[in-house]
Amino acid sequence: MQSKTSGNTPPSRELIDIRNLTDAQFLSLGLPTLVYVRKGSLLGQESFAIYAANGELMGTTEDSEMVRSAIDEHALVATLLH
């Protein structure tokens, strides 16, 4: 499969062959909508951090409801990591 765009595909979105990804294409998988949440501790307080699919920190909070609200508000998709 070759990279190409069609009349129905927005110009900024190219079709790619996932069997032959470049390093840059692999790092961008899931961007900008796929995120994961990591629970942790900050200065002795429970905290939650939202990370983009490429591991970039997007934000932190001590309020789990705020995490849910941010994900919903920005139409993000959260996934679990094992």
N, C-alpha and C. Protein backbone atom coordinates (compact mmCIF):
# COMPACT_ATOMS: atom_id res chain seq x y z
N MET A 1 0.85 -1.17 0.00
CA MET A 1 0.00 0.00 0.00
C MET A 1 0.89 1.23 0.00
N GLN A 2 0.57 2.19 -0.82
CA GLN A 2 1.34 3.41 -0.89
C GLN A 2 0.62 4.50 -0.11
N SER A 3 1.41 5.48 0.37
CA SER A 3 0.81 6.64 1.02
C SER A 3 0.15 7.49 -0.04
N LYS A 4 -1.11 7.82 0.17
CA LYS A 4 -1.82 8.68 -0.77
C LYS A 4 -2.99 9.32 -0.07
N THR A 5 -3.51 10.36 -0.67
CA THR A 5 -4.70 10.99 -0.15
C THR A 5 -5.78 10.88 -1.21
N SER A 6 -7.02 10.81 -0.78
CA SER A 6 -8.13 10.75 -1.72
C SER A 6 -8.95 12.03 -1.58
N GLY A 7 -9.93 12.18 -2.44
CA GLY A 7 -10.78 13.36 -2.39
C GLY A 7 -11.57 13.45 -1.10
N ASN A 8 -11.80 12.32 -0.43
CA ASN A 8 -12.58 12.31 0.81
C ASN A 8 -11.73 12.46 2.06
N THR A 9 -10.42 12.42 1.91
CA THR A 9 -9.52 12.49 3.05
C THR A 9 -9.03 13.93 3.21
N PRO A 10 -9.13 14.49 4.41
CA PRO A 10 -8.61 15.84 4.62
C PRO A 10 -7.14 15.90 4.24
N PRO A 11 -6.68 17.01 3.69
CA PRO A 11 -5.30 17.10 3.21
C PRO A 11 -4.25 16.82 4.26
N SER A 12 -4.52 17.07 5.54
CA SER A 12 -3.53 16.87 6.58
C SER A 12 -3.44 15.41 7.04
N ARG A 13 -4.33 14.55 6.56
CA ARG A 13 -4.35 13.16 6.98
C ARG A 13 -4.01 12.26 5.81
N GLU A 14 -2.84 11.64 5.84
CA GLU A 14 -2.43 10.72 4.80
C GLU A 14 -2.74 9.30 5.23
N LEU A 15 -3.05 8.46 4.26
CA LEU A 15 -3.19 7.04 4.53
C LEU A 15 -1.78 6.45 4.57
N ILE A 16 -1.53 5.61 5.55
CA ILE A 16 -0.20 5.02 5.67
C ILE A 16 -0.32 3.51 5.80
N ASP A 17 0.70 2.82 5.38
CA ASP A 17 0.78 1.37 5.51
C ASP A 17 1.36 1.06 6.89
N ILE A 18 0.54 0.54 7.80
CA ILE A 18 1.00 0.32 9.17
C ILE A 18 2.03 -0.79 9.27
N ARG A 19 2.20 -1.56 8.21
CA ARG A 19 3.23 -2.61 8.22
C ARG A 19 4.61 -2.04 7.93
N ASN A 20 4.67 -0.81 7.43
CA ASN A 20 5.95 -0.20 7.06
C ASN A 20 6.05 1.22 7.61
N LEU A 21 5.89 1.36 8.91
CA LEU A 21 5.93 2.68 9.53
C LEU A 21 7.35 3.19 9.70
N THR A 22 7.52 4.47 9.47
CA THR A 22 8.79 5.11 9.83
C THR A 22 8.77 5.34 11.34
N ASP A 23 9.91 5.67 11.92
CA ASP A 23 9.96 5.97 13.35
C ASP A 23 9.02 7.13 13.69
N ALA A 24 9.01 8.16 12.87
CA ALA A 24 8.16 9.33 13.13
C ALA A 24 6.68 8.95 13.06
N GLN A 25 6.30 8.12 12.10
CA GLN A 25 4.91 7.69 11.98
C GLN A 25 4.51 6.85 13.19
N PHE A 26 5.40 5.96 13.64
CA PHE A 26 5.10 5.14 14.81
C PHE A 26 4.88 6.01 16.05
N LEU A 27 5.74 7.01 16.23
CA LEU A 27 5.62 7.88 17.40
C LEU A 27 4.35 8.73 17.37
N SER A 28 3.77 8.92 16.19
CA SER A 28 2.58 9.74 16.10
C SER A 28 1.29 8.93 16.14
N LEU A 29 1.38 7.60 16.23
CA LEU A 29 0.16 6.79 16.30
C LEU A 29 -0.72 7.23 17.47
N GLY A 30 -1.98 7.40 17.20
CA GLY A 30 -2.92 7.77 18.25
C GLY A 30 -2.99 9.26 18.52
N LEU A 31 -2.06 10.03 17.98
CA LEU A 31 -2.10 11.47 18.20
C LEU A 31 -3.14 12.08 17.28
N PRO A 32 -3.87 13.02 17.66
CA PRO A 32 -3.83 13.73 18.93
C PRO A 32 -4.90 13.30 19.91
N THR A 33 -5.65 12.20 19.63
CA THR A 33 -6.81 11.90 20.47
C THR A 33 -6.63 10.79 21.49
N LEU A 34 -5.65 9.93 21.33
CA LEU A 34 -5.47 8.82 22.26
C LEU A 34 -4.58 9.25 23.42
N VAL A 35 -5.06 9.03 24.64
CA VAL A 35 -4.31 9.42 25.84
C VAL A 35 -4.35 8.28 26.86
N TYR A 36 -3.46 8.38 27.84
CA TYR A 36 -3.54 7.48 28.98
C TYR A 36 -3.35 8.29 30.25
N VAL A 37 -3.91 7.76 31.34
CA VAL A 37 -3.86 8.44 32.63
C VAL A 37 -3.03 7.60 33.58
N ARG A 38 -2.14 8.26 34.29
CA ARG A 38 -1.29 7.58 35.27
C ARG A 38 -1.57 8.18 36.64
N LYS A 39 -1.88 7.32 37.59
CA LYS A 39 -2.12 7.75 38.96
C LYS A 39 -0.79 7.74 39.70
N GLY A 40 -0.56 8.76 40.51
CA GLY A 40 0.70 8.84 41.25
C GLY A 40 0.55 9.69 42.48
N SER A 41 1.67 10.19 42.96
CA SER A 41 1.70 11.02 44.14
C SER A 41 2.60 12.22 43.88
N LEU A 42 2.13 13.38 44.29
CA LEU A 42 2.89 14.60 44.13
C LEU A 42 2.86 15.35 45.46
N LEU A 43 4.03 15.49 46.08
CA LEU A 43 4.15 16.15 47.39
C LEU A 43 3.20 15.54 48.42
N GLY A 44 3.11 14.19 48.40
CA GLY A 44 2.28 13.48 49.36
C GLY A 44 0.79 13.46 49.04
N GLN A 45 0.39 14.09 47.95
CA GLN A 45 -1.02 14.12 47.53
C GLN A 45 -1.21 13.18 46.35
N GLU A 46 -2.34 12.47 46.34
CA GLU A 46 -2.69 11.66 45.19
C GLU A 46 -2.84 12.58 43.98
N SER A 47 -2.28 12.16 42.85
CA SER A 47 -2.38 12.98 41.65
C SER A 47 -2.62 12.10 40.43
N PHE A 48 -3.08 12.73 39.38
CA PHE A 48 -3.36 12.05 38.12
C PHE A 48 -2.70 12.85 37.01
N ALA A 49 -2.05 12.16 36.10
CA ALA A 49 -1.40 12.82 34.97
C ALA A 49 -1.98 12.25 33.68
N ILE A 50 -2.27 13.12 32.73
CA ILE A 50 -2.74 12.72 31.41
C ILE A 50 -1.56 12.82 30.45
N TYR A 51 -1.32 11.73 29.73
CA TYR A 51 -0.22 11.66 28.76
C TYR A 51 -0.77 11.41 27.37
N ALA A 52 -0.18 12.05 26.38
CA ALA A 52 -0.51 11.78 24.98
C ALA A 52 0.00 10.40 24.61
N ALA A 53 -0.45 9.88 23.49
CA ALA A 53 -0.06 8.55 23.03
C ALA A 53 1.45 8.41 22.88
N ASN A 54 2.15 9.50 22.62
CA ASN A 54 3.60 9.45 22.46
C ASN A 54 4.35 9.63 23.78
N GLY A 55 3.62 9.69 24.90
CA GLY A 55 4.24 9.80 26.21
C GLY A 55 4.43 11.21 26.71
N GLU A 56 4.05 12.21 25.91
CA GLU A 56 4.19 13.61 26.32
C GLU A 56 3.15 13.96 27.39
N LEU A 57 3.61 14.54 28.48
CA LEU A 57 2.72 14.96 29.56
C LEU A 57 1.83 16.09 29.07
N MET A 58 0.51 15.91 29.25
CA MET A 58 -0.44 16.93 28.81
C MET A 58 -0.95 17.76 29.99
N GLY A 59 -1.02 17.15 31.18
CA GLY A 59 -1.49 17.90 32.34
C GLY A 59 -1.59 17.02 33.57
N THR A 60 -1.66 17.66 34.73
CA THR A 60 -1.79 16.94 36.00
C THR A 60 -2.86 17.61 36.86
N THR A 61 -3.43 16.83 37.76
CA THR A 61 -4.41 17.33 38.70
C THR A 61 -4.52 16.37 39.88
N GLU A 62 -5.05 16.83 40.98
CA GLU A 62 -5.32 15.95 42.13
C GLU A 62 -6.75 15.45 42.11
N ASP A 63 -7.55 15.90 41.15
CA ASP A 63 -8.97 15.60 41.10
C ASP A 63 -9.29 14.65 39.95
N SER A 64 -9.71 13.41 40.28
CA SER A 64 -10.00 12.42 39.24
C SER A 64 -11.18 12.85 38.37
N GLU A 65 -12.13 13.58 38.93
CA GLU A 65 -13.26 14.07 38.13
C GLU A 65 -12.79 15.08 37.09
N MET A 66 -11.78 15.87 37.43
CA MET A 66 -11.26 16.84 36.47
C MET A 66 -10.60 16.12 35.30
N VAL A 67 -9.95 14.99 35.57
CA VAL A 67 -9.35 14.19 34.50
C VAL A 67 -10.45 13.73 33.55
N ARG A 68 -11.50 13.18 34.11
CA ARG A 68 -12.62 12.71 33.27
C ARG A 68 -13.23 13.85 32.47
N SER A 69 -13.40 14.98 33.10
CA SER A 69 -13.97 16.15 32.41
C SER A 69 -13.08 16.61 31.27
N ALA A 70 -11.78 16.66 31.50
CA ALA A 70 -10.84 17.11 30.47
C ALA A 70 -10.85 16.15 29.27
N ILE A 71 -10.90 14.87 29.55
CA ILE A 71 -10.94 13.87 28.48
C ILE A 71 -12.21 14.04 27.66
N ASP A 72 -13.35 14.20 28.34
CA ASP A 72 -14.62 14.38 27.64
C ASP A 72 -14.66 15.70 26.88
N GLU A 73 -14.24 16.76 27.53
CA GLU A 73 -14.30 18.10 26.93
C GLU A 73 -13.48 18.20 25.64
N HIS A 74 -12.36 17.50 25.59
CA HIS A 74 -11.48 17.60 24.44
C HIS A 74 -11.66 16.41 23.48
N ALA A 75 -12.72 15.62 23.68
CA ALA A 75 -13.04 14.47 22.83
C ALA A 75 -11.85 13.53 22.68
N LEU A 76 -11.19 13.25 23.81
CA LEU A 76 -10.06 12.34 23.83
C LEU A 76 -10.54 10.92 24.09
N VAL A 77 -9.71 9.96 23.77
CA VAL A 77 -9.99 8.56 24.04
C VAL A 77 -8.92 8.06 24.99
N ALA A 78 -9.33 7.64 26.19
CA ALA A 78 -8.38 7.14 27.19
C ALA A 78 -8.25 5.63 27.05
N THR A 79 -7.05 5.12 27.23
CA THR A 79 -6.80 3.69 27.16
C THR A 79 -6.02 3.24 28.39
N LEU A 80 -6.09 1.95 28.67
CA LEU A 80 -5.36 1.35 29.78
C LEU A 80 -4.03 0.80 29.28
N LEU A 81 -3.01 0.94 30.09
CA LEU A 81 -1.71 0.34 29.80
C LEU A 81 -1.44 -0.75 30.81
N HIS A 82 -0.83 -1.81 30.38
CA HIS A 82 -0.51 -2.91 31.29
C HIS A 82 0.98 -3.12 31.33
